[in-house]
Amino acid sequence: MRLAVAQLTGEPFAVEENRTLTVRATREAFEQGADLVLLPELVVPGYIADRRLAEVAEPLLGETFEAWRGIAAQAGGVVVGGFCERDGDALYNTAIA
């Protein structure tokens, strides 16, 4: 198994741009032969601890999950990464594979 660690820094609250950055980095890692790509904790909302995270939190199976699932399926690999999950009023620092 070949592991790629994507060392990215997401801009705070720039969810769309950060998600695009993760997809690009993941695609490049798979193209270079990775089987598993590891993305940083809270990379999608930017690594912050702030009440404003509620504004950019998303459901577990939301846009980030779909983007990462799609690129992993195309490559036949696995993506592990972190985002801010919303479940009702609760927020979680979530990692998915």
PDB file of N, CA and C in Angstrom:
ATOM      1  N   MET A   1       0.848  -1.174   0.000  1.00  0.00           N
ATOM      2  CA  MET A   1       0.000   0.000   0.000  1.00  0.00           C
ATOM      3  C   MET A   1       0.892   1.235   0.000  1.00  0.00           C
ATOM      4  N   ARG A   2       0.526   2.184  -0.848  1.00  0.00           N
ATOM      5  CA  ARG A   2       1.250   3.462  -0.904  1.00  0.00           C
ATOM      6  C   ARG A   2       0.377   4.547  -0.290  1.00  0.00           C
ATOM      7  N   LEU A   3       0.927   5.232   0.685  1.00  0.00           N
ATOM      8  CA  LEU A   3       0.220   6.279   1.420  1.00  0.00           C
ATOM      9  C   LEU A   3       0.749   7.641   1.008  1.00  0.00           C
ATOM     10  N   ALA A   4      -0.150   8.571   0.786  1.00  0.00           N
ATOM     11  CA  ALA A   4       0.222   9.966   0.522  1.00  0.00           C
ATOM     12  C   ALA A   4      -0.358  10.829   1.631  1.00  0.00           C
ATOM     13  N   VAL A   5       0.450  11.706   2.157  1.00  0.00           N
ATOM     14  CA  VAL A   5       0.006  12.665   3.161  1.00  0.00           C
ATOM     15  C   VAL A   5       0.004  14.034   2.498  1.00  0.00           C
ATOM     16  N   ALA A   6      -1.172  14.623   2.360  1.00  0.00           N
ATOM     17  CA  ALA A   6      -1.297  15.937   1.728  1.00  0.00           C
ATOM     18  C   ALA A   6      -1.172  17.004   2.803  1.00  0.00           C
ATOM     19  N   GLN A   7      -0.091  17.737   2.783  1.00  0.00           N
ATOM     20  CA  GLN A   7       0.126  18.777   3.779  1.00  0.00           C
ATOM     21  C   GLN A   7      -0.430  20.084   3.233  1.00  0.00           C
ATOM     22  N   LEU A   8      -1.687  20.328   3.544  1.00  0.00           N
ATOM     23  CA  LEU A   8      -2.413  21.494   3.051  1.00  0.00           C
ATOM     24  C   LEU A   8      -2.832  22.366   4.220  1.00  0.00           C
ATOM     25  N   THR A   9      -3.007  23.630   3.947  1.00  0.00           N
ATOM     26  CA  THR A   9      -3.570  24.541   4.930  1.00  0.00           C
ATOM     27  C   THR A   9      -4.782  25.198   4.307  1.00  0.00           C
ATOM     28  N   GLY A  10      -5.946  24.951   4.893  1.00  0.00           N
ATOM     29  CA  GLY A  10      -7.164  25.577   4.409  1.00  0.00           C
ATOM     30  C   GLY A  10      -7.323  26.972   4.993  1.00  0.00           C
ATOM     31  N   GLU A  11      -7.782  27.881   4.168  1.00  0.00           N
ATOM     32  CA  GLU A  11      -8.067  29.235   4.649  1.00  0.00           C
ATOM     33  C   GLU A  11      -9.331  29.211   5.500  1.00  0.00           C
ATOM     34  N   PRO A  12      -9.340  29.878   6.639  1.00  0.00           N
ATOM     35  CA  PRO A  12     -10.533  29.873   7.480  1.00  0.00           C
ATOM     36  C   PRO A  12     -11.781  30.327   6.722  1.00  0.00           C
ATOM     37  N   PHE A  13     -12.811  29.505   6.813  1.00  0.00           N
ATOM     38  CA  PHE A  13     -14.145  29.763   6.271  1.00  0.00           C
ATOM     39  C   PHE A  13     -14.225  29.749   4.740  1.00  0.00           C
ATOM     40  N   ALA A  14     -13.174  29.363   4.044  1.00  0.00           N
ATOM     41  CA  ALA A  14     -13.172  29.293   2.578  1.00  0.00           C
ATOM     42  C   ALA A  14     -13.474  27.861   2.147  1.00  0.00           C
ATOM     43  N   VAL A  15     -14.655  27.394   2.484  1.00  0.00           N
ATOM     44  CA  VAL A  15     -15.022  25.990   2.314  1.00  0.00           C
ATOM     45  C   VAL A  15     -14.892  25.520   0.862  1.00  0.00           C
ATOM     46  N   GLU A  16     -15.482  26.215  -0.079  1.00  0.00           N
ATOM     47  CA  GLU A  16     -15.443  25.777  -1.477  1.00  0.00           C
ATOM     48  C   GLU A  16     -14.008  25.713  -1.999  1.00  0.00           C
ATOM     49  N   GLU A  17     -13.228  26.749  -1.726  1.00  0.00           N
ATOM     50  CA  GLU A  17     -11.838  26.779  -2.178  1.00  0.00           C
ATOM     51  C   GLU A  17     -11.016  25.666  -1.526  1.00  0.00           C
ATOM     52  N   ASN A  18     -11.229  25.451  -0.245  1.00  0.00           N
ATOM     53  CA  ASN A  18     -10.493  24.416   0.463  1.00  0.00           C
ATOM     54  C   ASN A  18     -10.883  23.023  -0.025  1.00  0.00           C
ATOM     55  N   ARG A  19     -12.174  22.809  -0.259  1.00  0.00           N
ATOM     56  CA  ARG A  19     -12.621  21.515  -0.771  1.00  0.00           C
ATOM     57  C   ARG A  19     -11.982  21.260  -2.138  1.00  0.00           C
ATOM     58  N   THR A  20     -11.966  22.281  -2.992  1.00  0.00           N
ATOM     59  CA  THR A  20     -11.340  22.150  -4.312  1.00  0.00           C
ATOM     60  C   THR A  20      -9.853  21.825  -4.172  1.00  0.00           C
ATOM     61  N   LEU A  21      -9.182  22.462  -3.238  1.00  0.00           N
ATOM     62  CA  LEU A  21      -7.772  22.206  -2.974  1.00  0.00           C
ATOM     63  C   LEU A  21      -7.554  20.748  -2.579  1.00  0.00           C
ATOM     64  N   THR A  22      -8.425  20.206  -1.732  1.00  0.00           N
ATOM     65  CA  THR A  22      -8.269  18.813  -1.297  1.00  0.00           C
ATOM     66  C   THR A  22      -8.498  17.847  -2.447  1.00  0.00           C
ATOM     67  N   VAL A  23      -9.482  18.140  -3.288  1.00  0.00           N
ATOM     68  CA  VAL A  23      -9.755  17.262  -4.435  1.00  0.00           C
ATOM     69  C   VAL A  23      -8.566  17.275  -5.389  1.00  0.00           C
ATOM     70  N   ARG A  24      -8.015  18.436  -5.646  1.00  0.00           N
ATOM     71  CA  ARG A  24      -6.858  18.552  -6.537  1.00  0.00           C
ATOM     72  C   ARG A  24      -5.660  17.776  -5.974  1.00  0.00           C
ATOM     73  N   ALA A  25      -5.365  17.965  -4.699  1.00  0.00           N
ATOM     74  CA  ALA A  25      -4.233  17.279  -4.071  1.00  0.00           C
ATOM     75  C   ALA A  25      -4.452  15.767  -4.054  1.00  0.00           C
ATOM     76  N   THR A  26      -5.678  15.357  -3.793  1.00  0.00           N
ATOM     77  CA  THR A  26      -6.001  13.937  -3.752  1.00  0.00           C
ATOM     78  C   THR A  26      -5.846  13.316  -5.139  1.00  0.00           C
ATOM     79  N   ARG A  27      -6.367  13.988  -6.129  1.00  0.00           N
ATOM     80  CA  ARG A  27      -6.255  13.493  -7.507  1.00  0.00           C
ATOM     81  C   ARG A  27      -4.776  13.331  -7.903  1.00  0.00           C
ATOM     82  N   GLU A  28      -3.962  14.327  -7.596  1.00  0.00           N
ATOM     83  CA  GLU A  28      -2.529  14.261  -7.909  1.00  0.00           C
ATOM     84  C   GLU A  28      -1.853  13.089  -7.188  1.00  0.00           C
ATOM     85  N   ALA A  29      -2.216  12.881  -5.932  1.00  0.00           N
ATOM     86  CA  ALA A  29      -1.615  11.776  -5.166  1.00  0.00           C
ATOM     87  C   ALA A  29      -1.994  10.423  -5.778  1.00  0.00           C
ATOM     88  N   PHE A  30      -3.251  10.271  -6.155  1.00  0.00           N
ATOM     89  CA  PHE A  30      -3.674   9.020  -6.792  1.00  0.00           C
ATOM     90  C   PHE A  30      -2.971   8.839  -8.138  1.00  0.00           C
ATOM     91  N   GLU A  31      -2.825   9.905  -8.893  1.00  0.00           N
ATOM     92  CA  GLU A  31      -2.140   9.823 -10.189  1.00  0.00           C
ATOM     93  C   GLU A  31      -0.679   9.415 -10.023  1.00  0.00           C
ATOM     94  N   GLN A  32      -0.091   9.738  -8.868  1.00  0.00           N
ATOM     95  CA  GLN A  32       1.298   9.381  -8.593  1.00  0.00           C
ATOM     96  C   GLN A  32       1.429   8.009  -7.926  1.00  0.00           C
ATOM     97  N   GLY A  33       0.316   7.290  -7.822  1.00  0.00           N
ATOM     98  CA  GLY A  33       0.364   5.916  -7.339  1.00  0.00           C
ATOM     99  C   GLY A  33      -0.089   5.665  -5.925  1.00  0.00           C
ATOM    100  N   ALA A  34      -0.617   6.657  -5.246  1.00  0.00           N
ATOM    101  CA  ALA A  34      -1.103   6.442  -3.876  1.00  0.00           C
ATOM    102  C   ALA A  34      -2.336   5.545  -3.875  1.00  0.00           C
ATOM    103  N   ASP A  35      -2.454   4.741  -2.835  1.00  0.00           N
ATOM    104  CA  ASP A  35      -3.648   3.934  -2.606  1.00  0.00           C
ATOM    105  C   ASP A  35      -4.541   4.583  -1.552  1.00  0.00           C
ATOM    106  N   LEU A  36      -3.904   5.328  -0.648  1.00  0.00           N
ATOM    107  CA  LEU A  36      -4.610   6.004   0.432  1.00  0.00           C
ATOM    108  C   LEU A  36      -4.046   7.416   0.552  1.00  0.00           C
ATOM    109  N   VAL A  37      -4.939   8.392   0.620  1.00  0.00           N
ATOM    110  CA  VAL A  37      -4.520   9.785   0.762  1.00  0.00           C
ATOM    111  C   VAL A  37      -5.051  10.303   2.095  1.00  0.00           C
ATOM    112  N   LEU A  38      -4.172  10.844   2.897  1.00  0.00           N
ATOM    113  CA  LEU A  38      -4.526  11.393   4.204  1.00  0.00           C
ATOM    114  C   LEU A  38      -4.508  12.916   4.122  1.00  0.00           C
ATOM    115  N   LEU A  39      -5.641  13.531   4.423  1.00  0.00           N
ATOM    116  CA  LEU A  39      -5.786  14.987   4.419  1.00  0.00           C
ATOM    117  C   LEU A  39      -5.795  15.505   5.859  1.00  0.00           C
ATOM    118  N   PRO A  40      -5.488  16.784   6.066  1.00  0.00           N
ATOM    119  CA  PRO A  40      -5.413  17.334   7.420  1.00  0.00           C
ATOM    120  C   PRO A  40      -6.759  17.421   8.152  1.00  0.00           C
ATOM    121  N   GLU A  41      -6.646  17.498   9.447  1.00  0.00           N
ATOM    122  CA  GLU A  41      -7.790  17.738  10.324  1.00  0.00           C
ATOM    123  C   GLU A  41      -8.410  19.092   9.994  1.00  0.00           C
ATOM    124  N   LEU A  42      -9.719  19.138   9.909  1.00  0.00           N
ATOM    125  CA  LEU A  42     -10.478  20.372   9.662  1.00  0.00           C
ATOM    126  C   LEU A  42      -9.979  21.165   8.448  1.00  0.00           C
ATOM    127  N   VAL A  43      -9.510  20.479   7.434  1.00  0.00           N
ATOM    128  CA  VAL A  43      -8.964  21.170   6.262  1.00  0.00           C
ATOM    129  C   VAL A  43     -10.040  21.929   5.492  1.00  0.00           C
ATOM    130  N   VAL A  44     -11.269  21.434   5.476  1.00  0.00           N
ATOM    131  CA  VAL A  44     -12.305  22.081   4.663  1.00  0.00           C
ATOM    132  C   VAL A  44     -12.723  23.441   5.221  1.00  0.00           C
ATOM    133  N   PRO A  45     -13.047  23.560   6.511  1.00  0.00           N
ATOM    134  CA  PRO A  45     -13.403  24.893   7.003  1.00  0.00           C
ATOM    135  C   PRO A  45     -12.187  25.739   7.372  1.00  0.00           C
ATOM    136  N   GLY A  46     -11.008  25.146   7.332  1.00  0.00           N
ATOM    137  CA  GLY A  46      -9.817  25.824   7.844  1.00  0.00           C
ATOM    138  C   GLY A  46      -9.686  25.464   9.309  1.00  0.00           C
ATOM    139  N   TYR A  47      -8.475  25.248   9.771  1.00  0.00           N
ATOM    140  CA  TYR A  47      -8.280  24.784  11.143  1.00  0.00           C
ATOM    141  C   TYR A  47      -8.475  25.939  12.109  1.00  0.00           C
ATOM    142  N   ILE A  48      -9.676  26.040  12.615  1.00  0.00           N
ATOM    143  CA  ILE A  48     -10.051  27.099  13.538  1.00  0.00           C
ATOM    144  C   ILE A  48     -10.979  26.528  14.602  1.00  0.00           C
ATOM    145  N   ALA A  49     -11.035  27.160  15.724  1.00  0.00           N
ATOM    146  CA  ALA A  49     -11.989  26.818  16.776  1.00  0.00           C
ATOM    147  C   ALA A  49     -12.744  28.101  17.075  1.00  0.00           C
ATOM    148  N   ASP A  50     -13.898  28.229  16.480  1.00  0.00           N
ATOM    149  CA  ASP A  50     -14.628  29.494  16.514  1.00  0.00           C
ATOM    150  C   ASP A  50     -16.117  29.179  16.368  1.00  0.00           C
ATOM    151  N   ARG A  51     -16.945  29.946  16.996  1.00  0.00           N
ATOM    152  CA  ARG A  51     -18.397  29.736  16.873  1.00  0.00           C
ATOM    153  C   ARG A  51     -18.879  29.855  15.437  1.00  0.00           C
ATOM    154  N   ARG A  52     -18.144  30.582  14.622  1.00  0.00           N
ATOM    155  CA  ARG A  52     -18.547  30.744  13.223  1.00  0.00           C
ATOM    156  C   ARG A  52     -18.433  29.452  12.429  1.00  0.00           C
ATOM    157  N   LEU A  53     -17.829  28.430  13.012  1.00  0.00           N
ATOM    158  CA  LEU A  53     -17.790  27.132  12.339  1.00  0.00           C
ATOM    159  C   LEU A  53     -19.196  26.624  12.050  1.00  0.00           C
ATOM    160  N   ALA A  54     -20.145  27.003  12.875  1.00  0.00           N
ATOM    161  CA  ALA A  54     -21.533  26.585  12.654  1.00  0.00           C
ATOM    162  C   ALA A  54     -22.028  27.017  11.275  1.00  0.00           C
ATOM    163  N   GLU A  55     -21.514  28.134  10.780  1.00  0.00           N
ATOM    164  CA  GLU A  55     -21.938  28.645   9.482  1.00  0.00           C
ATOM    165  C   GLU A  55     -21.430  27.796   8.322  1.00  0.00           C
ATOM    166  N   VAL A  56     -20.327  27.082   8.514  1.00  0.00           N
ATOM    167  CA  VAL A  56     -19.724  26.315   7.420  1.00  0.00           C
ATOM    168  C   VAL A  56     -19.758  24.810   7.665  1.00  0.00           C
ATOM    169  N   ALA A  57     -20.327  24.384   8.784  1.00  0.00           N
ATOM    170  CA  ALA A  57     -20.445  22.956   9.078  1.00  0.00           C
ATOM    171  C   ALA A  57     -21.397  22.310   8.083  1.00  0.00           C
ATOM    172  N   GLU A  58     -21.211  21.019   7.875  1.00  0.00           N
ATOM    173  CA  GLU A  58     -22.049  20.314   6.905  1.00  0.00           C
ATOM    174  C   GLU A  58     -22.428  18.942   7.439  1.00  0.00           C
ATOM    175  N   PRO A  59     -23.440  18.338   6.869  1.00  0.00           N
ATOM    176  CA  PRO A  59     -23.824  17.003   7.328  1.00  0.00           C
ATOM    177  C   PRO A  59     -22.743  15.976   6.977  1.00  0.00           C
ATOM    178  N   LEU A  60     -22.747  14.877   7.686  1.00  0.00           N
ATOM    179  CA  LEU A  60     -21.753  13.829   7.482  1.00  0.00           C
ATOM    180  C   LEU A  60     -21.656  13.414   6.018  1.00  0.00           C
ATOM    181  N   LEU A  61     -22.768  13.210   5.382  1.00  0.00           N
ATOM    182  CA  LEU A  61     -22.775  12.749   3.989  1.00  0.00           C
ATOM    183  C   LEU A  61     -23.058  13.902   3.030  1.00  0.00           C
ATOM    184  N   GLY A  62     -22.443  15.046   3.285  1.00  0.00           N
ATOM    185  CA  GLY A  62     -22.650  16.255   2.490  1.00  0.00           C
ATOM    186  C   GLY A  62     -21.682  16.382   1.326  1.00  0.00           C
ATOM    187  N   GLU A  63     -21.436  17.623   0.926  1.00  0.00           N
ATOM    188  CA  GLU A  63     -20.627  17.906  -0.259  1.00  0.00           C
ATOM    189  C   GLU A  63     -19.199  17.388  -0.147  1.00  0.00           C
ATOM    190  N   THR A  64     -18.596  17.528   1.004  1.00  0.00           N
ATOM    191  CA  THR A  64     -17.213  17.062   1.167  1.00  0.00           C
ATOM    192  C   THR A  64     -17.144  15.553   1.034  1.00  0.00           C
ATOM    193  N   PHE A  65     -18.034  14.845   1.709  1.00  0.00           N
ATOM    194  CA  PHE A  65     -18.077  13.388   1.590  1.00  0.00           C
ATOM    195  C   PHE A  65     -18.225  12.988   0.135  1.00  0.00           C
ATOM    196  N   GLU A  66     -19.168  13.605  -0.569  1.00  0.00           N
ATOM    197  CA  GLU A  66     -19.411  13.244  -1.971  1.00  0.00           C
ATOM    198  C   GLU A  66     -18.199  13.532  -2.849  1.00  0.00           C
ATOM    199  N   ALA A  67     -17.531  14.665  -2.630  1.00  0.00           N
ATOM    200  CA  ALA A  67     -16.349  14.999  -3.424  1.00  0.00           C
ATOM    201  C   ALA A  67     -15.236  13.985  -3.193  1.00  0.00           C
ATOM    202  N   TRP A  68     -14.968  13.657  -1.937  1.00  0.00           N
ATOM    203  CA  TRP A  68     -13.897  12.715  -1.623  1.00  0.00           C
ATOM    204  C   TRP A  68     -14.260  11.296  -2.043  1.00  0.00           C
ATOM    205  N   ARG A  69     -15.511  10.918  -1.885  1.00  0.00           N
ATOM    206  CA  ARG A  69     -15.956   9.583  -2.296  1.00  0.00           C
ATOM    207  C   ARG A  69     -15.802   9.425  -3.803  1.00  0.00           C
ATOM    208  N   GLY A  70     -16.166  10.470  -4.542  1.00  0.00           N
ATOM    209  CA  GLY A  70     -16.077  10.413  -5.994  1.00  0.00           C
ATOM    210  C   GLY A  70     -14.660  10.234  -6.494  1.00  0.00           C
ATOM    211  N   ILE A  71     -13.734  11.020  -5.961  1.00  0.00           N
ATOM    212  CA  ILE A  71     -12.341  10.921  -6.416  1.00  0.00           C
ATOM    213  C   ILE A  71     -11.727   9.588  -5.981  1.00  0.00           C
ATOM    214  N   ALA A  72     -12.075   9.102  -4.797  1.00  0.00           N
ATOM    215  CA  ALA A  72     -11.563   7.804  -4.336  1.00  0.00           C
ATOM    216  C   ALA A  72     -12.097   6.678  -5.212  1.00  0.00           C
ATOM    217  N   ALA A  73     -13.376   6.742  -5.566  1.00  0.00           N
ATOM    218  CA  ALA A  73     -13.969   5.709  -6.414  1.00  0.00           C
ATOM    219  C   ALA A  73     -13.317   5.696  -7.793  1.00  0.00           C
ATOM    220  N   GLN A  74     -13.073   6.865  -8.352  1.00  0.00           N
ATOM    221  CA  GLN A  74     -12.412   6.944  -9.664  1.00  0.00           C
ATOM    222  C   GLN A  74     -11.036   6.310  -9.631  1.00  0.00           C
ATOM    223  N   ALA A  75     -10.319   6.512  -8.534  1.00  0.00           N
ATOM    224  CA  ALA A  75      -8.942   6.026  -8.420  1.00  0.00           C
ATOM    225  C   ALA A  75      -8.856   4.613  -7.847  1.00  0.00           C
ATOM    226  N   GLY A  76      -9.964   4.118  -7.306  1.00  0.00           N
ATOM    227  CA  GLY A  76      -9.920   2.819  -6.640  1.00  0.00           C
ATOM    228  C   GLY A  76      -9.117   2.875  -5.351  1.00  0.00           C
ATOM    229  N   GLY A  77      -9.127   4.035  -4.697  1.00  0.00           N
ATOM    230  CA  GLY A  77      -8.354   4.226  -3.477  1.00  0.00           C
ATOM    231  C   GLY A  77      -9.228   4.691  -2.325  1.00  0.00           C
ATOM    232  N   VAL A  78      -8.558   5.183  -1.286  1.00  0.00           N
ATOM    233  CA  VAL A  78      -9.234   5.644  -0.072  1.00  0.00           C
ATOM    234  C   VAL A  78      -8.747   7.044   0.252  1.00  0.00           C
ATOM    235  N   VAL A  79      -9.675   7.898   0.662  1.00  0.00           N
ATOM    236  CA  VAL A  79      -9.355   9.238   1.140  1.00  0.00           C
ATOM    237  C   VAL A  79      -9.775   9.308   2.602  1.00  0.00           C
ATOM    238  N   VAL A  80      -8.897   9.834   3.453  1.00  0.00           N
ATOM    239  CA  VAL A  80      -9.216  10.090   4.853  1.00  0.00           C
ATOM    240  C   VAL A  80      -8.976  11.574   5.085  1.00  0.00           C
ATOM    241  N   GLY A  81      -9.997  12.263   5.572  1.00  0.00           N
ATOM    242  CA  GLY A  81      -9.839  13.692   5.790  1.00  0.00           C
ATOM    243  C   GLY A  81     -10.820  14.224   6.813  1.00  0.00           C
ATOM    244  N   GLY A  82     -10.610  15.487   7.204  1.00  0.00           N
ATOM    245  CA  GLY A  82     -11.405  16.066   8.270  1.00  0.00           C
ATOM    246  C   GLY A  82     -12.171  17.304   7.858  1.00  0.00           C
ATOM    247  N   PHE A  83     -13.330  17.464   8.482  1.00  0.00           N
ATOM    248  CA  PHE A  83     -14.167  18.633   8.254  1.00  0.00           C
ATOM    249  C   PHE A  83     -15.007  18.869   9.501  1.00  0.00           C
ATOM    250  N   CYS A  84     -15.782  19.942   9.499  1.00  0.00           N
ATOM    251  CA  CYS A  84     -16.669  20.235  10.620  1.00  0.00           C
ATOM    252  C   CYS A  84     -18.057  19.705  10.289  1.00  0.00           C
ATOM    253  N   GLU A  85     -18.482  18.709  11.045  1.00  0.00           N
ATOM    254  CA  GLU A  85     -19.788  18.077  10.821  1.00  0.00           C
ATOM    255  C   GLU A  85     -20.850  18.732  11.691  1.00  0.00           C
ATOM    256  N   ARG A  86     -22.022  18.925  11.107  1.00  0.00           N
ATOM    257  CA  ARG A  86     -23.183  19.395  11.852  1.00  0.00           C
ATOM    258  C   ARG A  86     -24.175  18.239  11.949  1.00  0.00           C
ATOM    259  N   ASP A  87     -24.633  17.996  13.169  1.00  0.00           N
ATOM    260  CA  ASP A  87     -25.686  17.018  13.421  1.00  0.00           C
ATOM    261  C   ASP A  87     -26.679  17.699  14.341  1.00  0.00           C
ATOM    262  N   GLY A  88     -27.745  18.236  13.753  1.00  0.00           N
ATOM    263  CA  GLY A  88     -28.674  19.059  14.524  1.00  0.00           C
ATOM    264  C   GLY A  88     -27.981  20.343  14.927  1.00  0.00           C
ATOM    265  N   ASP A  89     -27.963  20.638  16.214  1.00  0.00           N
ATOM    266  CA  ASP A  89     -27.269  21.822  16.718  1.00  0.00           C
ATOM    267  C   ASP A  89     -25.826  21.523  17.135  1.00  0.00           C
ATOM    268  N   ALA A  90     -25.457  20.246  17.119  1.00  0.00           N
ATOM    269  CA  ALA A  90     -24.110  19.848  17.557  1.00  0.00           C
ATOM    270  C   ALA A  90     -23.111  19.925  16.406  1.00  0.00           C
ATOM    271  N   LEU A  91     -21.882  20.328  16.745  1.00  0.00           N
ATOM    272  CA  LEU A  91     -20.782  20.373  15.781  1.00  0.00           C
ATOM    273  C   LEU A  91     -19.719  19.369  16.211  1.00  0.00           C
ATOM    274  N   TYR A  92     -19.102  18.730  15.214  1.00  0.00           N
ATOM    275  CA  TYR A  92     -18.080  17.733  15.493  1.00  0.00           C
ATOM    276  C   TYR A  92     -16.874  17.955  14.596  1.00  0.00           C
ATOM    277  N   ASN A  93     -15.708  17.699  15.133  1.00  0.00           N
ATOM    278  CA  ASN A  93     -14.462  17.656  14.382  1.00  0.00           C
ATOM    279  C   ASN A  93     -14.382  16.223  13.858  1.00  0.00           C
ATOM    280  N   THR A  94     -14.809  16.014  12.634  1.00  0.00           N
ATOM    281  CA  THR A  94     -15.020  14.679  12.085  1.00  0.00           C
ATOM    282  C   THR A  94     -13.965  14.319  11.050  1.00  0.00           C
ATOM    283  N   ALA A  95     -13.534  13.074  11.080  1.00  0.00           N
ATOM    284  CA  ALA A  95     -12.693  12.525  10.021  1.00  0.00           C
ATOM    285  C   ALA A  95     -13.466  11.372   9.389  1.00  0.00           C
ATOM    286  N   ILE A  96     -13.423  11.319   8.060  1.00  0.00           N
ATOM    287  CA  ILE A  96     -14.105  10.246   7.354  1.00  0.00           C
ATOM    288  C   ILE A  96     -13.117   9.524   6.441  1.00  0.00           C
ATOM    289  N   ALA A  97     -13.433   8.285   6.133  1.00  0.00           N
ATOM    290  CA  ALA A  97     -12.633   7.492   5.192  1.00  0.00           C
ATOM    291  C   ALA A  97     -13.584   6.951   4.130  1.00  0.00           C
TER     292      ALA A  97
END
